Amino acid sequence: MNPKVKTSRRQNIRYRIRRKISGAAQNPRLSVFRSNTDIYVQLIDDANGQTLASASSKDKAIASQKITKIEKSKLVGETIAKKAAELGITKITFDRGGYLYHGRVKSVADGAREGGLQF
């Protein structure tokens, strides 16, 4: 598949998702970005336009481990759940960012659920 077509298709899916969901201070949006090598997540308060917390597979504690990308993604989910708990956040809205809910994206969600977040 042509890379330009693939990225524009994901962008259109992303816009369609964002029309339906948004985050607030008590119920922020958990946004996921997946690159070929790493995965990044943010808790975003869309009402104020602020990022409340973030985590990625580039964090020193996660990057130093020799595990698969799916296992790292699960650790990223658990890390963001810990940071959310410190902020007093228990409920979130999950934004898969136009990616399929499969593999690393699903692993982040599973890790966040195990960490105590409710979707």
PDB file of N, CA and C in Angstrom:
ATOM      1  N   MET A   1       0.837  -1.178   0.000  1.00  0.00           N
ATOM      2  CA  MET A   1       0.000   0.000   0.000  1.00  0.00           C
ATOM      3  C   MET A   1       0.878   1.236   0.000  1.00  0.00           C
ATOM      4  N   ASN A   2       0.492   2.218  -0.756  1.00  0.00           N
ATOM      5  CA  ASN A   2       1.217   3.473  -0.851  1.00  0.00           C
ATOM      6  C   ASN A   2       1.272   4.148   0.526  1.00  0.00           C
ATOM      7  N   PRO A   3       2.460   4.562   0.992  1.00  0.00           N
ATOM      8  CA  PRO A   3       2.565   5.175   2.322  1.00  0.00           C
ATOM      9  C   PRO A   3       1.709   6.424   2.481  1.00  0.00           C
ATOM     10  N   LYS A   4       1.566   7.225   1.418  1.00  0.00           N
ATOM     11  CA  LYS A   4       0.749   8.434   1.529  1.00  0.00           C
ATOM     12  C   LYS A   4      -0.717   8.082   1.730  1.00  0.00           C
ATOM     13  N   VAL A   5      -1.168   7.050   1.055  1.00  0.00           N
ATOM     14  CA  VAL A   5      -2.552   6.607   1.210  1.00  0.00           C
ATOM     15  C   VAL A   5      -2.768   6.046   2.611  1.00  0.00           C
ATOM     16  N   LYS A   6      -1.800   5.302   3.095  1.00  0.00           N
ATOM     17  CA  LYS A   6      -1.912   4.675   4.408  1.00  0.00           C
ATOM     18  C   LYS A   6      -1.983   5.732   5.513  1.00  0.00           C
ATOM     19  N   THR A   7      -1.115   6.741   5.453  1.00  0.00           N
ATOM     20  CA  THR A   7      -1.116   7.766   6.494  1.00  0.00           C
ATOM     21  C   THR A   7      -2.352   8.650   6.404  1.00  0.00           C
ATOM     22  N   SER A   8      -2.804   8.962   5.211  1.00  0.00           N
ATOM     23  CA  SER A   8      -4.001   9.793   5.096  1.00  0.00           C
ATOM     24  C   SER A   8      -5.232   9.024   5.556  1.00  0.00           C
ATOM     25  N   ARG A   9      -5.264   7.723   5.341  1.00  0.00           N
ATOM     26  CA  ARG A   9      -6.369   6.903   5.820  1.00  0.00           C
ATOM     27  C   ARG A   9      -6.390   6.890   7.341  1.00  0.00           C
ATOM     28  N   ARG A  10      -5.225   6.715   7.976  1.00  0.00           N
ATOM     29  CA  ARG A  10      -5.156   6.742   9.434  1.00  0.00           C
ATOM     30  C   ARG A  10      -5.551   8.104   9.974  1.00  0.00           C
ATOM     31  N   GLN A  11      -5.151   9.157   9.267  1.00  0.00           N
ATOM     32  CA  GLN A  11      -5.502  10.515   9.695  1.00  0.00           C
ATOM     33  C   GLN A  11      -7.019  10.717   9.664  1.00  0.00           C
ATOM     34  N   ASN A  12      -7.680  10.218   8.620  1.00  0.00           N
ATOM     35  CA  ASN A  12      -9.134  10.341   8.539  1.00  0.00           C
ATOM     36  C   ASN A  12      -9.824   9.551   9.645  1.00  0.00           C
ATOM     37  N   ILE A  13      -9.309   8.373   9.955  1.00  0.00           N
ATOM     38  CA  ILE A  13      -9.859   7.580  11.056  1.00  0.00           C
ATOM     39  C   ILE A  13      -9.662   8.322  12.373  1.00  0.00           C
ATOM     40  N   ARG A  14      -8.499   8.929  12.530  1.00  0.00           N
ATOM     41  CA  ARG A  14      -8.181   9.691  13.739  1.00  0.00           C
ATOM     42  C   ARG A  14      -9.151  10.852  13.932  1.00  0.00           C
ATOM     43  N   TYR A  15      -9.414  11.585  12.859  1.00  0.00           N
ATOM     44  CA  TYR A  15     -10.351  12.703  12.936  1.00  0.00           C
ATOM     45  C   TYR A  15     -11.756  12.213  13.283  1.00  0.00           C
ATOM     46  N   ARG A  16     -12.157  11.090  12.718  1.00  0.00           N
ATOM     47  CA  ARG A  16     -13.483  10.533  12.994  1.00  0.00           C
ATOM     48  C   ARG A  16     -13.607  10.160  14.479  1.00  0.00           C
ATOM     49  N   ILE A  17     -12.544   9.578  15.043  1.00  0.00           N
ATOM     50  CA  ILE A  17     -12.555   9.218  16.459  1.00  0.00           C
ATOM     51  C   ILE A  17     -12.607  10.475  17.319  1.00  0.00           C
ATOM     52  N   ARG A  18     -11.807  11.475  16.976  1.00  0.00           N
ATOM     53  CA  ARG A  18     -11.715  12.697  17.785  1.00  0.00           C
ATOM     54  C   ARG A  18     -12.997  13.514  17.768  1.00  0.00           C
ATOM     55  N   ARG A  19     -13.814  13.377  16.718  1.00  0.00           N
ATOM     56  CA  ARG A  19     -15.108  14.058  16.697  1.00  0.00           C
ATOM     57  C   ARG A  19     -16.021  13.525  17.790  1.00  0.00           C
ATOM     58  N   LYS A  20     -15.841  12.251  18.135  1.00  0.00           N
ATOM     59  CA  LYS A  20     -16.746  11.596  19.075  1.00  0.00           C
ATOM     60  C   LYS A  20     -16.274  11.656  20.519  1.00  0.00           C
ATOM     61  N   ILE A  21     -14.958  11.710  20.753  1.00  0.00           N
ATOM     62  CA  ILE A  21     -14.458  11.659  22.123  1.00  0.00           C
ATOM     63  C   ILE A  21     -13.629  12.892  22.445  1.00  0.00           C
ATOM     64  N   SER A  22     -13.647  13.257  23.719  1.00  0.00           N
ATOM     65  CA  SER A  22     -12.768  14.309  24.212  1.00  0.00           C
ATOM     66  C   SER A  22     -12.541  14.067  25.693  1.00  0.00           C
ATOM     67  N   GLY A  23     -11.534  14.696  26.239  1.00  0.00           N
ATOM     68  CA  GLY A  23     -11.178  14.490  27.631  1.00  0.00           C
ATOM     69  C   GLY A  23     -11.446  15.725  28.459  1.00  0.00           C
ATOM     70  N   ALA A  24     -11.699  15.525  29.734  1.00  0.00           N
ATOM     71  CA  ALA A  24     -11.884  16.620  30.684  1.00  0.00           C
ATOM     72  C   ALA A  24     -10.896  16.416  31.832  1.00  0.00           C
ATOM     73  N   ALA A  25     -10.928  17.308  32.812  1.00  0.00           N
ATOM     74  CA  ALA A  25      -9.968  17.226  33.909  1.00  0.00           C
ATOM     75  C   ALA A  25     -10.166  15.952  34.726  1.00  0.00           C
ATOM     76  N   GLN A  26     -11.417  15.564  34.996  1.00  0.00           N
ATOM     77  CA  GLN A  26     -11.682  14.363  35.788  1.00  0.00           C
ATOM     78  C   GLN A  26     -11.720  13.097  34.952  1.00  0.00           C
ATOM     79  N   ASN A  27     -11.923  13.231  33.641  1.00  0.00           N
ATOM     80  CA  ASN A  27     -11.997  12.079  32.742  1.00  0.00           C
ATOM     81  C   ASN A  27     -11.146  12.379  31.502  1.00  0.00           C
ATOM     82  N   PRO A  28      -9.811  12.373  31.642  1.00  0.00           N
ATOM     83  CA  PRO A  28      -8.956  12.758  30.513  1.00  0.00           C
ATOM     84  C   PRO A  28      -8.914  11.696  29.417  1.00  0.00           C
ATOM     85  N   ARG A  29      -8.420  12.123  28.282  1.00  0.00           N
ATOM     86  CA  ARG A  29      -8.280  11.246  27.125  1.00  0.00           C
ATOM     87  C   ARG A  29      -6.887  10.618  27.155  1.00  0.00           C
ATOM     88  N   LEU A  30      -6.824   9.292  27.023  1.00  0.00           N
ATOM     89  CA  LEU A  30      -5.543   8.579  26.941  1.00  0.00           C
ATOM     90  C   LEU A  30      -5.223   8.408  25.471  1.00  0.00           C
ATOM     91  N   SER A  31      -4.323   9.225  24.972  1.00  0.00           N
ATOM     92  CA  SER A  31      -3.964   9.231  23.560  1.00  0.00           C
ATOM     93  C   SER A  31      -2.743   8.347  23.332  1.00  0.00           C
ATOM     94  N   VAL A  32      -2.800   7.526  22.278  1.00  0.00           N
ATOM     95  CA  VAL A  32      -1.723   6.582  21.968  1.00  0.00           C
ATOM     96  C   VAL A  32      -1.102   6.953  20.631  1.00  0.00           C
ATOM     97  N   PHE A  33       0.228   7.014  20.590  1.00  0.00           N
ATOM     98  CA  PHE A  33       0.951   7.153  19.329  1.00  0.00           C
ATOM     99  C   PHE A  33       1.939   5.999  19.241  1.00  0.00           C
ATOM    100  N   ARG A  34       1.931   5.340  18.099  1.00  0.00           N
ATOM    101  CA  ARG A  34       2.767   4.162  17.909  1.00  0.00           C
ATOM    102  C   ARG A  34       3.686   4.408  16.722  1.00  0.00           C
ATOM    103  N   SER A  35       4.994   4.371  16.956  1.00  0.00           N
ATOM    104  CA  SER A  35       5.951   4.430  15.859  1.00  0.00           C
ATOM    105  C   SER A  35       6.443   3.016  15.592  1.00  0.00           C
ATOM    106  N   ASN A  36       7.344   2.864  14.655  1.00  0.00           N
ATOM    107  CA  ASN A  36       7.855   1.528  14.359  1.00  0.00           C
ATOM    108  C   ASN A  36       8.618   0.929  15.533  1.00  0.00           C
ATOM    109  N   THR A  37       9.291   1.768  16.301  1.00  0.00           N
ATOM    110  CA  THR A  37      10.135   1.250  17.368  1.00  0.00           C
ATOM    111  C   THR A  37       9.575   1.502  18.767  1.00  0.00           C
ATOM    112  N   ASP A  38       8.825   2.565  18.969  1.00  0.00           N
ATOM    113  CA  ASP A  38       8.399   2.959  20.312  1.00  0.00           C
ATOM    114  C   ASP A  38       6.902   3.217  20.356  1.00  0.00           C
ATOM    115  N   ILE A  39       6.399   3.403  21.580  1.00  0.00           N
ATOM    116  CA  ILE A  39       4.999   3.750  21.784  1.00  0.00           C
ATOM    117  C   ILE A  39       4.933   4.841  22.849  1.00  0.00           C
ATOM    118  N   TYR A  40       4.073   5.819  22.631  1.00  0.00           N
ATOM    119  CA  TYR A  40       3.947   6.971  23.505  1.00  0.00           C
ATOM    120  C   TYR A  40       2.479   7.116  23.903  1.00  0.00           C
ATOM    121  N   VAL A  41       2.215   7.463  25.168  1.00  0.00           N
ATOM    122  CA  VAL A  41       0.853   7.715  25.620  1.00  0.00           C
ATOM    123  C   VAL A  41       0.826   9.012  26.416  1.00  0.00           C
ATOM    124  N   GLN A  42      -0.314   9.695  26.346  1.00  0.00           N
ATOM    125  CA  GLN A  42      -0.503  10.944  27.076  1.00  0.00           C
ATOM    126  C   GLN A  42      -1.897  10.961  27.677  1.00  0.00           C
ATOM    127  N   LEU A  43      -2.020  11.554  28.857  1.00  0.00           N
ATOM    128  CA  LEU A  43      -3.318  11.872  29.428  1.00  0.00           C
ATOM    129  C   LEU A  43      -3.574  13.337  29.130  1.00  0.00           C
ATOM    130  N   ILE A  44      -4.638  13.615  28.375  1.00  0.00           N
ATOM    131  CA  ILE A  44      -4.876  14.965  27.878  1.00  0.00           C
ATOM    132  C   ILE A  44      -6.210  15.493  28.386  1.00  0.00           C
ATOM    133  N   ASP A  45      -6.186  16.704  28.919  1.00  0.00           N
ATOM    134  CA  ASP A  45      -7.392  17.440  29.287  1.00  0.00           C
ATOM    135  C   ASP A  45      -7.720  18.358  28.115  1.00  0.00           C
ATOM    136  N   ASP A  46      -8.691  17.967  27.284  1.00  0.00           N
ATOM    137  CA  ASP A  46      -9.012  18.739  26.086  1.00  0.00           C
ATOM    138  C   ASP A  46      -9.715  20.057  26.406  1.00  0.00           C
ATOM    139  N   ALA A  47     -10.396  20.138  27.537  1.00  0.00           N
ATOM    140  CA  ALA A  47     -11.095  21.370  27.902  1.00  0.00           C
ATOM    141  C   ALA A  47     -10.097  22.512  28.105  1.00  0.00           C
ATOM    142  N   ASN A  48      -8.967  22.223  28.736  1.00  0.00           N
ATOM    143  CA  ASN A  48      -7.942  23.243  28.983  1.00  0.00           C
ATOM    144  C   ASN A  48      -6.767  23.150  28.018  1.00  0.00           C
ATOM    145  N   GLY A  49      -6.729  22.102  27.197  1.00  0.00           N
ATOM    146  CA  GLY A  49      -5.628  21.939  26.248  1.00  0.00           C
ATOM    147  C   GLY A  49      -4.318  21.630  26.925  1.00  0.00           C
ATOM    148  N   GLN A  50      -4.354  20.776  27.961  1.00  0.00           N
ATOM    149  CA  GLN A  50      -3.149  20.451  28.715  1.00  0.00           C
ATOM    150  C   GLN A  50      -2.871  18.967  28.699  1.00  0.00           C
ATOM    151  N   THR A  51      -1.598  18.625  28.693  1.00  0.00           N
ATOM    152  CA  THR A  51      -1.179  17.245  28.891  1.00  0.00           C
ATOM    153  C   THR A  51      -0.930  17.071  30.379  1.00  0.00           C
ATOM    154  N   LEU A  52      -1.671  16.156  30.995  1.00  0.00           N
ATOM    155  CA  LEU A  52      -1.566  15.951  32.435  1.00  0.00           C
ATOM    156  C   LEU A  52      -0.414  15.026  32.801  1.00  0.00           C
ATOM    157  N   ALA A  53      -0.200  13.990  32.006  1.00  0.00           N
ATOM    158  CA  ALA A  53       0.879  13.031  32.261  1.00  0.00           C
ATOM    159  C   ALA A  53       1.222  12.335  30.957  1.00  0.00           C
ATOM    160  N   SER A  54       2.428  11.815  30.889  1.00  0.00           N
ATOM    161  CA  SER A  54       2.836  11.085  29.687  1.00  0.00           C
ATOM    162  C   SER A  54       3.800   9.972  30.074  1.00  0.00           C
ATOM    163  N   ALA A  55       3.887   8.993  29.193  1.00  0.00           N
ATOM    164  CA  ALA A  55       4.829   7.888  29.374  1.00  0.00           C
ATOM    165  C   ALA A  55       5.172   7.347  27.996  1.00  0.00           C
ATOM    166  N   SER A  56       6.321   6.723  27.891  1.00  0.00           N
ATOM    167  CA  SER A  56       6.722   6.139  26.611  1.00  0.00           C
ATOM    168  C   SER A  56       7.657   4.966  26.844  1.00  0.00           C
ATOM    169  N   SER A  57       7.885   4.227  25.777  1.00  0.00           N
ATOM    170  CA  SER A  57       8.807   3.104  25.872  1.00  0.00           C
ATOM    171  C   SER A  57      10.256   3.580  25.875  1.00  0.00           C
ATOM    172  N   LYS A  58      10.477   4.876  25.746  1.00  0.00           N
ATOM    173  CA  LYS A  58      11.830   5.425  25.825  1.00  0.00           C
ATOM    174  C   LYS A  58      12.232   5.791  27.246  1.00  0.00           C
ATOM    175  N   ASP A  59      11.298   5.696  28.207  1.00  0.00           N
ATOM    176  CA  ASP A  59      11.641   5.948  29.600  1.00  0.00           C
ATOM    177  C   ASP A  59      12.749   4.987  30.016  1.00  0.00           C
ATOM    178  N   LYS A  60      13.675   5.457  30.833  1.00  0.00           N
ATOM    179  CA  LYS A  60      14.866   4.673  31.165  1.00  0.00           C
ATOM    180  C   LYS A  60      14.530   3.315  31.779  1.00  0.00           C
ATOM    181  N   ALA A  61      13.535   3.284  32.646  1.00  0.00           N
ATOM    182  CA  ALA A  61      13.192   2.024  33.314  1.00  0.00           C
ATOM    183  C   ALA A  61      12.659   0.987  32.326  1.00  0.00           C
ATOM    184  N   ILE A  62      11.968   1.443  31.285  1.00  0.00           N
ATOM    185  CA  ILE A  62      11.388   0.522  30.306  1.00  0.00           C
ATOM    186  C   ILE A  62      12.376   0.202  29.194  1.00  0.00           C
ATOM    187  N   ALA A  63      13.094   1.204  28.705  1.00  0.00           N
ATOM    188  CA  ALA A  63      14.009   1.006  27.579  1.00  0.00           C
ATOM    189  C   ALA A  63      15.185   0.097  27.939  1.00  0.00           C
ATOM    190  N   SER A  64      15.563   0.077  29.208  1.00  0.00           N
ATOM    191  CA  SER A  64      16.722  -0.727  29.599  1.00  0.00           C
ATOM    192  C   SER A  64      16.426  -2.223  29.611  1.00  0.00           C
ATOM    193  N   GLN A  65      15.153  -2.594  29.613  1.00  0.00           N
ATOM    194  CA  GLN A  65      14.792  -4.012  29.657  1.00  0.00           C
ATOM    195  C   GLN A  65      14.837  -4.623  28.266  1.00  0.00           C
ATOM    196  N   LYS A  66      15.298  -5.842  28.195  1.00  0.00           N
ATOM    197  CA  LYS A  66      15.373  -6.557  26.922  1.00  0.00           C
ATOM    198  C   LYS A  66      14.141  -7.443  26.773  1.00  0.00           C
ATOM    199  N   ILE A  67      13.032  -6.819  26.363  1.00  0.00           N
ATOM    200  CA  ILE A  67      11.766  -7.534  26.178  1.00  0.00           C
ATOM    201  C   ILE A  67      11.151  -7.106  24.856  1.00  0.00           C
ATOM    202  N   THR A  68      10.084  -7.771  24.457  1.00  0.00           N
ATOM    203  CA  THR A  68       9.455  -7.465  23.171  1.00  0.00           C
ATOM    204  C   THR A  68       8.709  -6.135  23.239  1.00  0.00           C
ATOM    205  N   LYS A  69       8.350  -5.613  22.067  1.00  0.00           N
ATOM    206  CA  LYS A  69       7.651  -4.338  22.002  1.00  0.00           C
ATOM    207  C   LYS A  69       6.268  -4.425  22.643  1.00  0.00           C
ATOM    208  N   ILE A  70       5.616  -5.573  22.534  1.00  0.00           N
ATOM    209  CA  ILE A  70       4.288  -5.731  23.149  1.00  0.00           C
ATOM    210  C   ILE A  70       4.409  -5.700  24.672  1.00  0.00           C
ATOM    211  N   GLU A  71       5.432  -6.348  25.215  1.00  0.00           N
ATOM    212  CA  GLU A  71       5.639  -6.339  26.662  1.00  0.00           C
ATOM    213  C   GLU A  71       6.011  -4.933  27.146  1.00  0.00           C
ATOM    214  N   LYS A  72       6.804  -4.202  26.344  1.00  0.00           N
ATOM    215  CA  LYS A  72       7.127  -2.818  26.694  1.00  0.00           C
ATOM    216  C   LYS A  72       5.874  -1.962  26.690  1.00  0.00           C
ATOM    217  N   SER A  73       4.981  -2.216  25.736  1.00  0.00           N
ATOM    218  CA  SER A  73       3.741  -1.451  25.660  1.00  0.00           C
ATOM    219  C   SER A  73       2.892  -1.666  26.904  1.00  0.00           C
ATOM    220  N   LYS A  74       2.878  -2.879  27.403  1.00  0.00           N
ATOM    221  CA  LYS A  74       2.116  -3.166  28.614  1.00  0.00           C
ATOM    222  C   LYS A  74       2.714  -2.410  29.797  1.00  0.00           C
ATOM    223  N   LEU A  75       4.036  -2.346  29.866  1.00  0.00           N
ATOM    224  CA  LEU A  75       4.700  -1.579  30.929  1.00  0.00           C
ATOM    225  C   LEU A  75       4.389  -0.097  30.822  1.00  0.00           C
ATOM    226  N   VAL A  76       4.283   0.413  29.598  1.00  0.00           N
ATOM    227  CA  VAL A  76       3.930   1.821  29.394  1.00  0.00           C
ATOM    228  C   VAL A  76       2.523   2.073  29.930  1.00  0.00           C
ATOM    229  N   GLY A  77       1.601   1.148  29.675  1.00  0.00           N
ATOM    230  CA  GLY A  77       0.245   1.271  30.195  1.00  0.00           C
ATOM    231  C   GLY A  77       0.211   1.280  31.714  1.00  0.00           C
ATOM    232  N   GLU A  78       1.003   0.404  32.323  1.00  0.00           N
ATOM    233  CA  GLU A  78       1.063   0.368  33.781  1.00  0.00           C
ATOM    234  C   GLU A  78       1.686   1.644  34.344  1.00  0.00           C
ATOM    235  N   THR A  79       2.683   2.184  33.648  1.00  0.00           N
ATOM    236  CA  THR A  79       3.335   3.416  34.083  1.00  0.00           C
ATOM    237  C   THR A  79       2.380   4.591  34.047  1.00  0.00           C
ATOM    238  N   ILE A  80       1.600   4.705  32.968  1.00  0.00           N
ATOM    239  CA  ILE A  80       0.660   5.826  32.870  1.00  0.00           C
ATOM    240  C   ILE A  80      -0.444   5.676  33.908  1.00  0.00           C
ATOM    241  N   ALA A  81      -0.802   4.443  34.251  1.00  0.00           N
ATOM    242  CA  ALA A  81      -1.813   4.222  35.288  1.00  0.00           C
ATOM    243  C   ALA A  81      -1.303   4.682  36.654  1.00  0.00           C
ATOM    244  N   LYS A  82      -0.014   4.434  36.935  1.00  0.00           N
ATOM    245  CA  LYS A  82       0.571   4.895  38.193  1.00  0.00           C
ATOM    246  C   LYS A  82       0.580   6.417  38.261  1.00  0.00           C
ATOM    247  N   LYS A  83       0.959   7.060  37.139  1.00  0.00           N
ATOM    248  CA  LYS A  83       0.994   8.523  37.111  1.00  0.00           C
ATOM    249  C   LYS A  83      -0.405   9.099  37.256  1.00  0.00           C
ATOM    250  N   ALA A  84      -1.398   8.438  36.678  1.00  0.00           N
ATOM    251  CA  ALA A  84      -2.778   8.900  36.805  1.00  0.00           C
ATOM    252  C   ALA A  84      -3.261   8.754  38.244  1.00  0.00           C
ATOM    253  N   ALA A  85      -2.878   7.674  38.900  1.00  0.00           N
ATOM    254  CA  ALA A  85      -3.275   7.466  40.290  1.00  0.00           C
ATOM    255  C   ALA A  85      -2.684   8.555  41.190  1.00  0.00           C
ATOM    256  N   GLU A  86      -1.456   8.985  40.904  1.00  0.00           N
ATOM    257  CA  GLU A  86      -0.838  10.068  41.668  1.00  0.00           C
ATOM    258  C   GLU A  86      -1.604  11.371  41.497  1.00  0.00           C
ATOM    259  N   LEU A  87      -2.221  11.550  40.311  1.00  0.00           N
ATOM    260  CA  LEU A  87      -3.010  12.754  40.057  1.00  0.00           C
ATOM    261  C   LEU A  87      -4.452  12.605  40.537  1.00  0.00           C
ATOM    262  N   GLY A  88      -4.819  11.422  41.016  1.00  0.00           N
ATOM    263  CA  GLY A  88      -6.175  11.187  41.496  1.00  0.00           C
ATOM    264  C   GLY A  88      -7.167  10.877  40.386  1.00  0.00           C
ATOM    265  N   ILE A  89      -6.677  10.353  39.284  1.00  0.00           N
ATOM    266  CA  ILE A  89      -7.531  10.042  38.132  1.00  0.00           C
ATOM    267  C   ILE A  89      -7.758   8.532  38.088  1.00  0.00           C
ATOM    268  N   THR A  90      -9.020   8.135  37.990  1.00  0.00           N
ATOM    269  CA  THR A  90      -9.337   6.706  37.894  1.00  0.00           C
ATOM    270  C   THR A  90     -10.073   6.376  36.604  1.00  0.00           C
ATOM    271  N   LYS A  91     -10.808   7.324  36.032  1.00  0.00           N
ATOM    272  CA  LYS A  91     -11.566   7.075  34.807  1.00  0.00           C
ATOM    273  C   LYS A  91     -10.935   7.842  33.658  1.00  0.00           C
ATOM    274  N   ILE A  92     -10.819   7.186  32.504  1.00  0.00           N
ATOM    275  CA  ILE A  92     -10.256   7.820  31.321  1.00  0.00           C
ATOM    276  C   ILE A  92     -11.092   7.468  30.106  1.00  0.00           C
ATOM    277  N   THR A  93     -10.839   8.183  29.021  1.00  0.00           N
ATOM    278  CA  THR A  93     -11.392   7.860  27.714  1.00  0.00           C
ATOM    279  C   THR A  93     -10.229   7.428  26.844  1.00  0.00           C
ATOM    280  N   PHE A  94     -10.322   6.255  26.227  1.00  0.00           N
ATOM    281  CA  PHE A  94      -9.214   5.708  25.452  1.00  0.00           C
ATOM    282  C   PHE A  94      -9.290   6.175  24.010  1.00  0.00           C
ATOM    283  N   ASP A  95      -8.207   6.752  23.509  1.00  0.00           N
ATOM    284  CA  ASP A  95      -8.097   7.205  22.125  1.00  0.00           C
ATOM    285  C   ASP A  95      -7.013   6.383  21.442  1.00  0.00           C
ATOM    286  N   ARG A  96      -7.415   5.490  20.570  1.00  0.00           N
ATOM    287  CA  ARG A  96      -6.455   4.591  19.930  1.00  0.00           C
ATOM    288  C   ARG A  96      -5.682   5.271  18.810  1.00  0.00           C
ATOM    289  N   GLY A  97      -5.996   6.499  18.483  1.00  0.00           N
ATOM    290  CA  GLY A  97      -5.213   7.284  17.540  1.00  0.00           C
ATOM    291  C   GLY A  97      -5.271   6.809  16.102  1.00  0.00           C
ATOM    292  N   GLY A  98      -6.339   6.132  15.714  1.00  0.00           N
ATOM    293  CA  GLY A  98      -6.466   5.671  14.336  1.00  0.00           C
ATOM    294  C   GLY A  98      -5.840   4.317  14.083  1.00  0.00           C
ATOM    295  N   TYR A  99      -5.219   3.737  15.106  1.00  0.00           N
ATOM    296  CA  TYR A  99      -4.626   2.413  14.960  1.00  0.00           C
ATOM    297  C   TYR A  99      -5.674   1.365  15.308  1.00  0.00           C
ATOM    298  N   LEU A 100      -5.489   0.152  14.804  1.00  0.00           N
ATOM    299  CA  LEU A 100      -6.372  -0.940  15.167  1.00  0.00           C
ATOM    300  C   LEU A 100      -6.168  -1.291  16.636  1.00  0.00           C
ATOM    301  N   TYR A 101      -7.247  -1.668  17.300  1.00  0.00           N
ATOM    302  CA  TYR A 101      -7.156  -2.091  18.697  1.00  0.00           C
ATOM    303  C   TYR A 101      -6.641  -3.522  18.707  1.00  0.00           C
ATOM    304  N   HIS A 102      -5.318  -3.638  18.555  1.00  0.00           N
ATOM    305  CA  HIS A 102      -4.694  -4.939  18.375  1.00  0.00           C
ATOM    306  C   HIS A 102      -3.215  -4.772  18.676  1.00  0.00           C
ATOM    307  N   GLY A 103      -2.577  -5.802  19.145  1.00  0.00           N
ATOM    308  CA  GLY A 103      -1.131  -5.757  19.340  1.00  0.00           C
ATOM    309  C   GLY A 103      -0.698  -4.789  20.413  1.00  0.00           C
ATOM    310  N   ARG A 104       0.165  -3.840  20.039  1.00  0.00           N
ATOM    311  CA  ARG A 104       0.747  -2.922  21.017  1.00  0.00           C
ATOM    312  C   ARG A 104      -0.279  -1.963  21.603  1.00  0.00           C
ATOM    313  N   VAL A 105      -1.254  -1.527  20.795  1.00  0.00           N
ATOM    314  CA  VAL A 105      -2.282  -0.607  21.291  1.00  0.00           C
ATOM    315  C   VAL A 105      -3.141  -1.320  22.340  1.00  0.00           C
ATOM    316  N   LYS A 106      -3.510  -2.550  22.064  1.00  0.00           N
ATOM    317  CA  LYS A 106      -4.292  -3.338  23.022  1.00  0.00           C
ATOM    318  C   LYS A 106      -3.475  -3.613  24.275  1.00  0.00           C
ATOM    319  N   SER A 107      -2.189  -3.835  24.118  1.00  0.00           N
ATOM    320  CA  SER A 107      -1.313  -4.105  25.243  1.00  0.00           C
ATOM    321  C   SER A 107      -1.226  -2.896  26.179  1.00  0.00           C
ATOM    322  N   VAL A 108      -1.189  -1.691  25.626  1.00  0.00           N
ATOM    323  CA  VAL A 108      -1.196  -0.476  26.444  1.00  0.00           C
ATOM    324  C   VAL A 108      -2.490  -0.400  27.247  1.00  0.00           C
ATOM    325  N   ALA A 109      -3.607  -0.679  26.590  1.00  0.00           N
ATOM    326  CA  ALA A 109      -4.903  -0.630  27.265  1.00  0.00           C
ATOM    327  C   ALA A 109      -4.979  -1.666  28.381  1.00  0.00           C
ATOM    328  N   ASP A 110      -4.482  -2.870  28.120  1.00  0.00           N
ATOM    329  CA  ASP A 110      -4.494  -3.916  29.136  1.00  0.00           C
ATOM    330  C   ASP A 110      -3.628  -3.528  30.337  1.00  0.00           C
ATOM    331  N   GLY A 111      -2.461  -2.958  30.073  1.00  0.00           N
ATOM    332  CA  GLY A 111      -1.591  -2.513  31.159  1.00  0.00           C
ATOM    333  C   GLY A 111      -2.214  -1.400  31.979  1.00  0.00           C
ATOM    334  N   ALA A 112      -2.904  -0.486  31.319  1.00  0.00           N
ATOM    335  CA  ALA A 112      -3.564   0.605  32.032  1.00  0.00           C
ATOM    336  C   ALA A 112      -4.711   0.075  32.886  1.00  0.00           C
ATOM    337  N   ARG A 113      -5.442  -0.906  32.364  1.00  0.00           N
ATOM    338  CA  ARG A 113      -6.536  -1.503  33.148  1.00  0.00           C
ATOM    339  C   ARG A 113      -5.984  -2.234  34.370  1.00  0.00           C
ATOM    340  N   GLU A 114      -4.886  -2.964  34.185  1.00  0.00           N
ATOM    341  CA  GLU A 114      -4.269  -3.671  35.314  1.00  0.00           C
ATOM    342  C   GLU A 114      -3.737  -2.681  36.349  1.00  0.00           C
ATOM    343  N   GLY A 115      -3.345  -1.502  35.896  1.00  0.00           N
ATOM    344  CA  GLY A 115      -2.856  -0.472  36.810  1.00  0.00           C
ATOM    345  C   GLY A 115      -3.964   0.234  37.554  1.00  0.00           C
ATOM    346  N   GLY A 116      -5.215  -0.028  37.213  1.00  0.00           N
ATOM    347  CA  GLY A 116      -6.327   0.548  37.969  1.00  0.00           C
ATOM    348  C   GLY A 116      -7.172   1.568  37.234  1.00  0.00           C
ATOM    349  N   LEU A 117      -6.882   1.834  35.961  1.00  0.00           N
ATOM    350  CA  LEU A 117      -7.697   2.797  35.225  1.00  0.00           C
ATOM    351  C   LEU A 117      -8.955   2.130  34.686  1.00  0.00           C
ATOM    352  N   GLN A 118     -10.037   2.885  34.665  1.00  0.00           N
ATOM    353  CA  GLN A 118     -11.301   2.396  34.117  1.00  0.00           C
ATOM    354  C   GLN A 118     -11.596   3.151  32.832  1.00  0.00           C
ATOM    355  N   PHE A 119     -11.979   2.415  31.790  1.00  0.00           N
ATOM    356  CA  PHE A 119     -12.285   3.038  30.502  1.00  0.00           C
ATOM    357  C   PHE A 119     -13.791   3.212  30.381  1.00  0.00           C
TER     358      PHE A 119
END
